[in-house]
Amino acid sequence: MEKLLSATLPGGRFRNVSKVRSRAMAAVKGKNNRSTELQFKMALVRAGITGWVTHASLPGKPDFYFPTSRVAVFLDGCFWHGCERCGHIPKTNSLFWKTKISRNQDRDRRNSRLVRKEAIRVIRIWEHTLRDPPKLRRILSQIRAILHQPLERSAVANETRKRKIKRKS
């Protein structure tokens, strides 16, 4: 655990946590939210939207990236990313969790900014919208429309310049 986060806990450690709970939490691997990603992936497939890759090598590792259209999609979990609608700060160790979620939000903003600097459009989707069929349909329609928009000249020029640089190396 990072120093800043551990500094928010009394004595730098979680207190009053049972061994069973500690083992359960230690077993949780923070390598992505597979159920949310799978749900969105299946929605893309059902909508006939293709051309994406998962976890591209871009800042923040977008959950889905459409390289041809240069569109990055991030799926933000309501708890971990601090959704105002359904996220919450736990009462136990609230300073720790508030700091943790705030840092996640700062990282999200930084990663979105870095991806946009690469002339890539960014779409951020809250987890709860995937459970609302009308909202999900609207999101998929928006994605389809964005994918069919022509790339901006600057993005095409930037990509061409990158290819030329790679060939010279």
Protein backbone atom coordinates (compact mmCIF):
# COMPACT_ATOMS: atom_id res chain seq x y z
CA MET A 1 0.00 0.00 0.00
CA GLU A 2 1.33 3.42 -0.89
CA LYS A 3 2.71 5.66 1.85
CA LEU A 4 0.09 8.38 1.30
CA LEU A 5 -2.76 5.91 1.69
CA SER A 6 -1.26 4.08 4.67
CA ALA A 7 -0.72 7.47 6.36
CA THR A 8 -4.51 7.91 6.44
CA LEU A 9 -4.89 4.80 8.65
CA PRO A 10 -4.20 4.77 12.40
CA GLY A 11 -0.73 3.29 12.79
CA GLY A 12 -0.58 2.85 8.99
CA ARG A 13 -2.65 -0.35 9.15
CA PHE A 14 -6.26 -1.44 9.01
CA ARG A 15 -7.51 -2.19 12.53
CA ASN A 16 -10.21 -4.57 13.75
CA VAL A 17 -10.17 -6.73 10.63
CA SER A 18 -10.78 -10.43 11.19
CA LYS A 19 -8.34 -12.98 9.75
CA VAL A 20 -11.09 -14.41 7.55
CA ARG A 21 -11.88 -10.95 6.13
CA SER A 22 -8.19 -10.15 5.69
CA ARG A 23 -7.63 -13.38 3.71
CA ALA A 24 -10.68 -12.70 1.56
CA MET A 25 -9.53 -9.17 0.74
CA ALA A 26 -5.96 -10.31 0.06
CA ALA A 27 -7.31 -12.79 -2.50
CA VAL A 28 -8.98 -10.00 -4.51
CA LYS A 29 -6.84 -9.21 -7.52
CA GLY A 30 -7.24 -5.71 -8.92
CA LYS A 31 -6.71 -6.64 -12.57
CA ASN A 32 -9.97 -5.23 -14.02
CA ASN A 33 -13.64 -5.75 -13.51
CA ARG A 34 -14.27 -8.73 -15.72
CA SER A 35 -18.04 -8.85 -15.25
CA THR A 36 -18.48 -5.20 -16.29
CA GLU A 37 -16.11 -5.63 -19.21
CA LEU A 38 -17.79 -8.84 -20.30
CA GLN A 39 -21.21 -7.20 -20.10
CA PHE A 40 -20.03 -4.31 -22.29
CA LYS A 41 -18.21 -6.63 -24.68
CA MET A 42 -21.38 -8.66 -25.19
CA ALA A 43 -23.36 -5.45 -25.76
CA LEU A 44 -20.85 -4.41 -28.46
CA VAL A 45 -21.12 -7.83 -30.10
CA ARG A 46 -24.95 -7.81 -30.01
CA ALA A 47 -24.91 -4.29 -31.50
CA GLY A 48 -22.60 -5.45 -34.29
CA ILE A 49 -19.87 -3.00 -33.30
CA THR A 50 -16.46 -4.40 -34.21
CA GLY A 51 -12.86 -3.30 -34.55
CA TRP A 52 -11.93 -3.00 -30.88
CA VAL A 53 -9.09 -4.39 -28.84
CA THR A 54 -8.95 -4.66 -25.06
CA HIS A 55 -6.37 -3.07 -22.77
CA ALA A 56 -4.37 -1.26 -25.44
CA SER A 57 -0.96 0.11 -24.51
CA LEU A 58 -2.18 3.64 -23.89
CA PRO A 59 -2.18 5.69 -20.69
CA GLY A 60 -4.66 4.13 -18.27
CA LYS A 61 -5.03 1.02 -20.46
CA PRO A 62 -8.52 1.73 -21.84
CA ASP A 63 -10.89 -1.19 -21.43
CA PHE A 64 -11.71 -1.01 -25.16
CA TYR A 65 -9.84 0.76 -27.94
CA PHE A 66 -10.89 1.20 -31.55
CA PRO A 67 -7.54 1.78 -33.31
CA THR A 68 -8.96 2.58 -36.76
CA SER A 69 -11.24 5.30 -35.38
CA ARG A 70 -8.88 6.25 -32.54
CA VAL A 71 -11.50 5.95 -29.79
CA ALA A 72 -10.71 4.79 -26.24
CA VAL A 73 -13.48 3.56 -23.94
CA PHE A 74 -12.99 3.40 -20.17
CA LEU A 75 -15.54 1.57 -17.99
CA ASP A 76 -15.55 3.20 -14.56
CA GLY A 77 -16.76 1.15 -11.59
CA CYS A 78 -19.14 3.21 -9.45
CA PHE A 79 -17.40 2.47 -6.13
CA TRP A 80 -13.75 2.70 -7.23
CA HIS A 81 -14.17 5.80 -9.37
CA GLY A 82 -16.52 7.70 -7.02
CA CYS A 83 -19.82 7.83 -8.91
CA GLU A 84 -21.95 10.62 -7.44
CA ARG A 85 -25.11 8.61 -8.09
CA CYS A 86 -24.29 5.26 -6.52
CA GLY A 87 -20.74 5.35 -5.21
CA HIS A 88 -20.15 5.78 -1.49
CA ILE A 89 -17.40 6.18 1.08
CA PRO A 90 -17.39 3.34 3.64
CA LYS A 91 -17.87 4.45 7.24
CA THR A 92 -14.94 2.35 8.44
CA ASN A 93 -11.57 3.94 7.60
CA SER A 94 -13.43 6.67 5.68
CA LEU A 95 -10.37 8.93 5.36
CA PHE A 96 -8.45 6.11 3.67
CA TRP A 97 -11.28 5.37 1.24
CA LYS A 98 -11.93 9.03 0.49
CA THR A 99 -8.21 9.49 -0.31
CA LYS A 100 -8.12 6.28 -2.38
CA ILE A 101 -11.16 7.20 -4.49
CA SER A 102 -9.99 10.80 -4.89
CA ARG A 103 -6.62 9.56 -6.18
CA ASN A 104 -8.41 7.23 -8.60
CA GLN A 105 -10.40 10.20 -9.94
CA ASP A 106 -7.21 12.28 -10.31
CA ARG A 107 -5.55 9.40 -12.19
CA ASP A 108 -8.63 9.07 -14.45
CA ARG A 109 -8.46 12.77 -15.37
CA ARG A 110 -4.71 12.57 -16.01
CA ASN A 111 -5.04 9.45 -18.18
CA SER A 112 -7.91 10.94 -20.20
CA ARG A 113 -5.83 14.07 -20.81
CA LEU A 114 -2.80 12.00 -21.91
CA VAL A 115 -4.89 9.88 -24.27
CA ARG A 116 -6.49 13.00 -25.79
CA LYS A 117 -3.00 14.42 -26.36
CA GLU A 118 -2.44 11.43 -28.68
CA ALA A 119 -5.42 12.66 -30.76
CA ILE A 120 -7.60 9.83 -29.45
CA ARG A 121 -11.21 10.45 -28.46
CA VAL A 122 -12.09 9.32 -24.94
CA ILE A 123 -15.41 7.90 -23.77
CA ARG A 124 -15.92 7.20 -20.06
CA ILE A 125 -18.90 5.03 -19.06
CA TRP A 126 -20.21 4.51 -15.53
CA GLU A 127 -20.81 0.93 -14.49
CA HIS A 128 -24.44 1.61 -13.50
CA THR A 129 -25.36 2.75 -17.04
CA LEU A 130 -24.61 -0.75 -18.33
CA ARG A 131 -27.48 -2.08 -16.20
CA ASP A 132 -29.96 0.41 -17.71
CA PRO A 133 -31.01 -0.92 -21.16
CA PRO A 134 -32.20 2.44 -22.61
CA LYS A 135 -29.00 4.18 -21.49
CA LEU A 136 -26.87 1.33 -22.81
CA ARG A 137 -28.62 1.52 -26.20
CA ARG A 138 -27.99 5.28 -26.27
CA ILE A 139 -24.29 4.77 -25.44
CA LEU A 140 -23.92 2.14 -28.16
CA SER A 141 -25.60 4.49 -30.68
CA GLN A 142 -23.22 7.28 -29.70
CA ILE A 143 -20.23 4.97 -30.06
CA ARG A 144 -21.43 3.80 -33.47
CA ALA A 145 -21.85 7.43 -34.59
CA ILE A 146 -18.38 8.39 -33.33
CA LEU A 147 -16.81 5.39 -35.05
CA HIS A 148 -18.29 6.51 -38.36
CA GLN A 149 -17.03 10.09 -38.06
CA PRO A 150 -13.97 10.82 -40.17
CA LEU A 151 -10.71 11.26 -38.29
CA GLU A 152 -9.58 14.85 -37.87
CA ARG A 153 -6.78 15.89 -40.20
CA SER A 154 -4.44 16.52 -37.26
CA ALA A 155 -4.96 12.97 -35.98
CA VAL A 156 -4.26 11.48 -39.41
CA ALA A 157 -1.17 13.68 -39.86
CA ASN A 158 0.06 12.75 -36.39
CA GLU A 159 -0.38 9.03 -37.09
CA THR A 160 1.39 9.34 -40.47
CA ARG A 161 4.29 11.19 -38.83
CA LYS A 162 4.60 8.42 -36.19
CA ARG A 163 4.74 5.74 -38.91
CA LYS A 164 7.49 7.62 -40.76
CA ILE A 165 9.53 7.94 -37.58
CA LYS A 166 9.19 4.20 -36.88
CA ARG A 167 10.31 3.30 -40.43
CA LYS A 168 13.46 5.41 -40.07
CA SER A 169 14.45 3.64 -36.85
